[in-house]
Amino acid sequence: MKSKMTNRNKTFWIIAILVIALFFTFNTLPMIKGVIYSFTNYKGYGSYDVVGWRNYVDLFTDARVGKSYLFTFKYAVAGTILVNVLSLLLALGLNSNIKGKSALRGIYFVPNILGGLVIGYIFSFIFTYILPVIGNVCHISILENSILASEKYAWIAVLIVGVWQAVAMNTIIYISGLQTVPEDVYEASMLDGANKWTEFWKITFPLIMPFVSINLVLSTKNFLMVFDQIVSLTQGGPAQSTESISYLIYKNGMSGGQFGFQSANAVLFFIVIVAISVFQLRFTNKKEEQL
């Protein structure tokens, strides 16, 4: 018996050490190297010099960086609101007594299974070829030209694709939350004469607040880090109007000779995401305590 426990402990430690080693090699070590490069003028090749905090100072005066941050924040705010509202509505519908709700849950989860690039290329074909044909045939002026070619409205196309894919996971989380609400609570509210609106705001929403917190943090983080949809739909265009921070870091860091500068941008972006996530968690935790 003792030898079995010893072998089990050895196996546990071997697996744990391997996992930690892999995580350090492919996650922590690149992050540390990125922080180091952020203090240099490294171009991604050749020699480099240490420039101290110059890259970080230049980030706040670079117009292109500022534009990418504005677009990313606008996209993240709009996407987070839309995803959580739509996901909660779908979850409420799928949690009710309707026929075939199990099949519908599976169908709604399909977008989350597909890759972001695959979905982006499919929607790119729809926006570029199918919708303009429909617009010309039906004389709908807003659809006659590809929305992806519009500097003003291209971000809406990216938002549609991002929201369509993100709704799946958030819906599943909200369904899980709704299933934790006891039925007797609803029965008591019915006896008190509460209508559906009052029931939702006074009972359902407060009881699923932890799940709302999870979805808010996850959706905001994912929308802030938008990349696949940008690559497959607009590649940052037209005129850099849909250039997200992640795409700018990748494009100029890998092929634009700004590896050190964009490493500083990546470090700053990481700090921003962590700060926003911490703020959201503290805000929603206070709401949970109040409720």
Protein backbone atom coordinates (compact mmCIF):
# COMPACT_ATOMS: atom_id res chain seq x y z
CA MET A 1 0.00 0.00 0.00
CA LYS A 2 2.83 2.33 0.94
CA SER A 3 4.70 1.59 -2.30
CA LYS A 4 1.55 2.40 -4.32
CA MET A 5 1.23 5.77 -2.57
CA THR A 6 4.93 6.44 -3.16
CA ASN A 7 4.60 5.66 -6.88
CA ARG A 8 1.49 7.84 -7.10
CA ASN A 9 3.32 10.74 -5.44
CA LYS A 10 6.26 10.33 -7.79
CA THR A 11 3.93 10.35 -10.81
CA PHE A 12 2.18 13.45 -9.47
CA TRP A 13 5.45 15.34 -9.01
CA ILE A 14 6.79 14.29 -12.43
CA ILE A 15 3.62 15.54 -14.16
CA ALA A 16 3.56 18.74 -12.07
CA ILE A 17 7.21 19.51 -12.84
CA LEU A 18 6.68 18.88 -16.57
CA VAL A 19 3.63 21.17 -16.64
CA ILE A 20 5.47 23.92 -14.74
CA ALA A 21 8.50 23.57 -17.02
CA LEU A 22 6.34 23.82 -20.17
CA PHE A 23 4.40 26.79 -18.77
CA PHE A 24 7.64 28.58 -17.86
CA THR A 25 9.23 27.84 -21.26
CA PHE A 26 6.32 28.92 -23.46
CA ASN A 27 4.66 31.56 -21.26
CA THR A 28 6.73 33.03 -18.45
CA LEU A 29 10.12 33.07 -20.22
CA PRO A 30 8.83 34.84 -23.38
CA MET A 31 7.08 37.37 -21.13
CA ILE A 32 10.31 38.08 -19.22
CA LYS A 33 12.26 38.42 -22.48
CA GLY A 34 9.57 40.75 -23.83
CA VAL A 35 9.90 43.00 -20.77
CA ILE A 36 13.68 43.07 -21.25
CA TYR A 37 13.37 43.91 -24.96
CA SER A 38 10.93 46.72 -24.11
CA PHE A 39 13.87 48.68 -22.69
CA THR A 40 15.89 48.35 -25.92
CA ASN A 41 15.75 49.52 -29.55
CA TYR A 42 15.77 45.92 -30.82
CA LYS A 43 14.37 45.61 -34.35
CA GLY A 44 13.79 41.87 -34.21
CA TYR A 45 17.18 41.10 -35.72
CA GLY A 46 20.78 42.17 -35.33
CA SER A 47 22.29 44.06 -32.43
CA TYR A 48 20.52 46.48 -30.13
CA ASP A 49 21.13 49.06 -27.43
CA VAL A 50 19.44 49.71 -24.11
CA VAL A 51 17.31 52.87 -24.30
CA GLY A 52 15.77 52.81 -20.83
CA TRP A 53 12.25 54.21 -20.54
CA ARG A 54 12.27 55.92 -23.94
CA ASN A 55 9.93 53.38 -25.57
CA TYR A 56 7.37 53.83 -22.81
CA VAL A 57 7.55 57.62 -23.08
CA ASP A 58 7.17 57.46 -26.87
CA LEU A 59 4.03 55.34 -26.54
CA PHE A 60 2.17 58.32 -25.10
CA THR A 61 3.17 60.59 -27.99
CA ASP A 62 2.66 58.14 -30.86
CA ALA A 63 -0.56 59.05 -32.72
CA ARG A 64 -0.94 55.58 -34.25
CA VAL A 65 -0.72 53.89 -30.85
CA GLY A 66 -3.27 56.32 -29.43
CA LYS A 67 -5.64 55.67 -32.34
CA SER A 68 -5.36 51.90 -31.85
CA TYR A 69 -6.14 52.23 -28.13
CA LEU A 70 -9.22 54.37 -28.87
CA PHE A 71 -10.50 51.85 -31.41
CA THR A 72 -9.84 48.91 -29.10
CA PHE A 73 -11.61 50.50 -26.13
CA LYS A 74 -14.59 51.52 -28.28
CA TYR A 75 -14.81 48.01 -29.70
CA ALA A 76 -14.43 46.37 -26.26
CA VAL A 77 -17.10 48.51 -24.57
CA ALA A 78 -19.64 48.01 -27.37
CA GLY A 79 -18.85 44.30 -27.66
CA THR A 80 -19.03 43.61 -23.91
CA ILE A 81 -22.42 45.31 -23.59
CA LEU A 82 -23.92 43.61 -26.66
CA VAL A 83 -22.57 40.16 -25.83
CA ASN A 84 -23.79 40.16 -22.24
CA VAL A 85 -27.25 41.52 -23.09
CA LEU A 86 -27.76 39.06 -25.97
CA SER A 87 -26.29 36.14 -24.02
CA LEU A 88 -28.52 36.77 -21.03
CA LEU A 89 -31.63 37.04 -23.22
CA LEU A 90 -30.74 33.80 -25.03
CA ALA A 91 -29.99 32.05 -21.74
CA LEU A 92 -33.36 33.11 -20.31
CA GLY A 93 -35.07 31.77 -23.43
CA LEU A 94 -33.12 28.50 -23.49
CA ASN A 95 -33.69 27.98 -19.76
CA SER A 96 -37.47 28.20 -20.14
CA ASN A 97 -39.73 25.28 -20.97
CA ILE A 98 -39.42 25.18 -24.76
CA LYS A 99 -39.19 22.16 -27.04
CA GLY A 100 -35.76 21.14 -28.29
CA LYS A 101 -33.86 23.46 -25.96
CA SER A 102 -31.00 20.95 -25.62
CA ALA A 103 -30.50 20.94 -29.41
CA LEU A 104 -30.68 24.74 -29.48
CA ARG A 105 -27.98 24.98 -26.81
CA GLY A 106 -25.71 22.86 -28.98
CA ILE A 107 -26.44 24.97 -32.06
CA TYR A 108 -25.74 28.22 -30.21
CA PHE A 109 -22.38 26.85 -29.04
CA VAL A 110 -21.16 26.08 -32.60
CA PRO A 111 -19.65 29.59 -33.21
CA ASN A 112 -17.35 29.10 -30.23
CA ILE A 113 -15.98 25.87 -31.69
CA LEU A 114 -14.98 27.42 -35.02
CA GLY A 115 -11.70 29.30 -35.26
CA GLY A 116 -11.72 33.09 -35.32
CA LEU A 117 -9.85 33.23 -38.63
CA VAL A 118 -12.24 30.77 -40.30
CA ILE A 119 -15.28 32.74 -39.15
CA GLY A 120 -13.64 36.00 -40.20
CA TYR A 121 -12.93 34.81 -43.74
CA ILE A 122 -16.49 33.51 -44.10
CA PHE A 123 -17.96 36.82 -42.98
CA SER A 124 -15.47 38.69 -45.15
CA PHE A 125 -16.91 36.89 -48.20
CA ILE A 126 -20.45 37.72 -47.02
CA PHE A 127 -19.68 41.42 -46.44
CA THR A 128 -17.70 41.77 -49.68
CA TYR A 129 -19.77 39.80 -52.19
CA ILE A 130 -23.15 38.64 -50.90
CA LEU A 131 -24.50 41.70 -49.06
CA PRO A 132 -23.59 44.19 -51.85
CA VAL A 133 -25.47 42.01 -54.37
CA ILE A 134 -28.51 41.94 -52.08
CA GLY A 135 -28.19 45.70 -51.59
CA ASN A 136 -28.10 46.37 -55.34
CA VAL A 137 -31.00 44.04 -56.11
CA CYS A 138 -33.19 45.38 -53.30
CA HIS A 139 -31.94 49.00 -53.72
CA ILE A 140 -30.69 49.22 -50.12
CA SER A 141 -28.08 51.96 -50.34
CA ILE A 142 -26.29 51.06 -47.10
CA LEU A 143 -25.56 47.54 -48.42
CA GLU A 144 -24.61 48.42 -52.01
CA ASN A 145 -20.92 48.71 -51.12
CA SER A 146 -18.88 46.51 -48.81
CA ILE A 147 -18.98 47.80 -45.26
CA LEU A 148 -15.37 46.64 -44.89
CA ALA A 149 -14.30 49.37 -47.32
CA SER A 150 -15.86 52.11 -45.19
CA GLU A 151 -13.50 53.93 -42.86
CA LYS A 152 -16.50 54.99 -40.75
CA TYR A 153 -18.40 51.70 -40.51
CA ALA A 154 -15.83 48.91 -40.97
CA TRP A 155 -15.51 48.52 -37.20
CA ILE A 156 -19.21 47.59 -37.04
CA ALA A 157 -18.54 44.60 -39.30
CA VAL A 158 -15.70 43.49 -37.01
CA LEU A 159 -18.01 44.00 -34.02
CA ILE A 160 -20.77 41.87 -35.58
CA VAL A 161 -18.38 38.97 -36.13
CA GLY A 162 -16.83 39.27 -32.66
CA VAL A 163 -20.20 39.41 -30.92
CA TRP A 164 -21.61 36.53 -32.99
CA GLN A 165 -18.76 34.29 -31.91
CA ALA A 166 -18.55 35.43 -28.27
CA VAL A 167 -22.26 35.02 -27.50
CA ALA A 168 -21.92 31.23 -27.46
CA MET A 169 -19.68 30.84 -24.42
CA ASN A 170 -21.38 33.61 -22.43
CA THR A 171 -24.78 32.04 -23.05
CA ILE A 172 -23.60 28.70 -21.65
CA ILE A 173 -22.24 30.42 -18.54
CA TYR A 174 -25.49 32.31 -18.00
CA ILE A 175 -27.50 29.09 -18.45
CA SER A 176 -25.34 27.47 -15.77
CA GLY A 177 -26.05 30.42 -13.49
CA LEU A 178 -29.79 30.33 -14.09
CA GLN A 179 -29.88 26.62 -13.20
CA THR A 180 -28.50 27.42 -9.74
CA VAL A 181 -31.51 29.58 -8.86
CA PRO A 182 -33.90 27.49 -6.67
CA GLU A 183 -37.39 26.97 -8.07
CA ASP A 184 -39.03 27.60 -4.70
CA VAL A 185 -37.78 31.20 -4.83
CA TYR A 186 -39.77 31.74 -8.04
CA GLU A 187 -42.80 30.03 -6.51
CA ALA A 188 -42.62 32.37 -3.51
CA SER A 189 -42.41 35.40 -5.82
CA MET A 190 -45.46 34.21 -7.75
CA LEU A 191 -47.41 33.97 -4.51
CA ASP A 192 -46.36 37.55 -3.71
CA GLY A 193 -47.76 38.64 -7.09
CA ALA A 194 -44.44 39.63 -8.69
CA ASN A 195 -44.47 40.04 -12.48
CA LYS A 196 -41.72 38.73 -14.77
CA TRP A 197 -39.82 42.05 -14.85
CA THR A 198 -39.77 42.36 -11.06
CA GLU A 199 -38.89 38.68 -10.76
CA PHE A 200 -35.86 39.15 -13.01
CA TRP A 201 -34.45 42.27 -11.31
CA LYS A 202 -35.25 41.32 -7.72
CA ILE A 203 -34.54 37.57 -7.81
CA THR A 204 -32.84 36.24 -10.95
CA PHE A 205 -30.27 38.97 -11.55
CA PRO A 206 -28.99 39.22 -7.94
CA LEU A 207 -28.66 35.43 -7.67
CA ILE A 208 -26.67 35.09 -10.90
CA MET A 209 -24.42 38.10 -10.17
CA PRO A 210 -21.28 35.91 -9.77
CA PHE A 211 -21.86 34.61 -13.31
CA VAL A 212 -22.35 38.17 -14.56
CA SER A 213 -18.95 39.04 -13.04
CA ILE A 214 -17.28 36.13 -14.83
CA ASN A 215 -18.82 37.04 -18.18
CA LEU A 216 -17.97 40.73 -17.86
CA VAL A 217 -14.31 40.04 -17.13
CA LEU A 218 -13.92 37.35 -19.81
CA SER A 219 -15.77 39.23 -22.55
CA THR A 220 -13.95 42.52 -21.86
CA LYS A 221 -10.58 40.77 -21.89
CA ASN A 222 -11.37 38.92 -25.12
CA PHE A 223 -12.65 42.02 -26.90
CA LEU A 224 -9.64 44.07 -25.80
CA MET A 225 -7.36 41.39 -27.26
CA VAL A 226 -9.21 41.21 -30.60
CA PHE A 227 -6.86 39.92 -33.30
CA ASP A 228 -8.25 37.11 -35.46
CA GLN A 229 -11.22 39.14 -36.71
CA ILE A 230 -8.95 42.06 -37.62
CA VAL A 231 -6.56 39.83 -39.57
CA SER A 232 -9.28 38.06 -41.54
CA LEU A 233 -11.63 41.00 -42.13
CA THR A 234 -9.77 44.30 -42.45
CA GLN A 235 -6.08 43.89 -41.58
CA GLY A 236 -6.38 47.15 -39.67
CA GLY A 237 -7.87 49.12 -42.56
CA PRO A 238 -9.21 51.07 -44.17
CA ALA A 239 -6.74 53.84 -43.25
CA GLN A 240 -5.91 52.10 -39.94
CA SER A 241 -9.47 52.72 -38.71
CA THR A 242 -9.80 49.16 -37.33
CA GLU A 243 -6.25 48.63 -36.13
CA SER A 244 -6.43 47.04 -32.67
CA ILE A 245 -3.60 47.12 -30.16
CA SER A 246 -2.88 43.40 -30.55
CA TYR A 247 -2.74 43.71 -34.34
CA LEU A 248 -0.49 46.79 -34.16
CA ILE A 249 1.89 44.98 -31.79
CA TYR A 250 2.04 41.98 -34.12
CA LYS A 251 2.33 43.91 -37.38
CA ASN A 252 4.91 46.52 -36.41
CA GLY A 253 6.71 44.30 -33.94
CA MET A 254 7.23 41.33 -36.23
CA SER A 255 7.67 42.99 -39.61
CA GLY A 256 7.88 46.73 -38.96
CA GLY A 257 11.25 46.87 -37.24
CA GLN A 258 9.73 48.01 -33.92
CA PHE A 259 10.21 44.89 -31.83
CA GLY A 260 11.50 46.76 -28.78
CA PHE A 261 8.94 49.56 -29.07
CA GLN A 262 6.02 47.16 -29.52
CA SER A 263 7.30 45.02 -26.66
CA ALA A 264 6.86 48.11 -24.48
CA ASN A 265 3.38 48.50 -25.98
CA ALA A 266 2.61 44.87 -25.09
CA VAL A 267 3.77 45.36 -21.49
CA LEU A 268 1.63 48.49 -21.15
CA PHE A 269 -1.34 46.69 -22.70
CA PHE A 270 -0.92 43.80 -20.28
CA ILE A 271 -0.97 46.23 -17.34
CA VAL A 272 -4.09 47.93 -18.74
CA ILE A 273 -5.95 44.61 -19.10
CA VAL A 274 -5.01 43.51 -15.58
CA ALA A 275 -6.08 46.89 -14.15
CA ILE A 276 -9.44 46.78 -15.94
CA SER A 277 -10.06 43.18 -14.83
CA VAL A 278 -9.25 43.99 -11.19
CA PHE A 279 -11.53 47.04 -11.30
CA GLN A 280 -14.38 44.98 -12.77
CA LEU A 281 -13.99 42.25 -10.16
CA ARG A 282 -13.95 44.72 -7.28
CA PHE A 283 -16.96 46.59 -8.67
CA THR A 284 -19.02 43.44 -9.24
CA ASN A 285 -17.98 42.01 -5.85
CA LYS A 286 -19.31 45.15 -4.16
CA LYS A 287 -22.55 44.74 -6.10
CA GLU A 288 -22.78 41.11 -4.95
CA GLU A 289 -22.33 42.18 -1.32
CA GLN A 290 -25.00 44.88 -1.68
CA LEU A 291 -27.43 42.41 -3.24
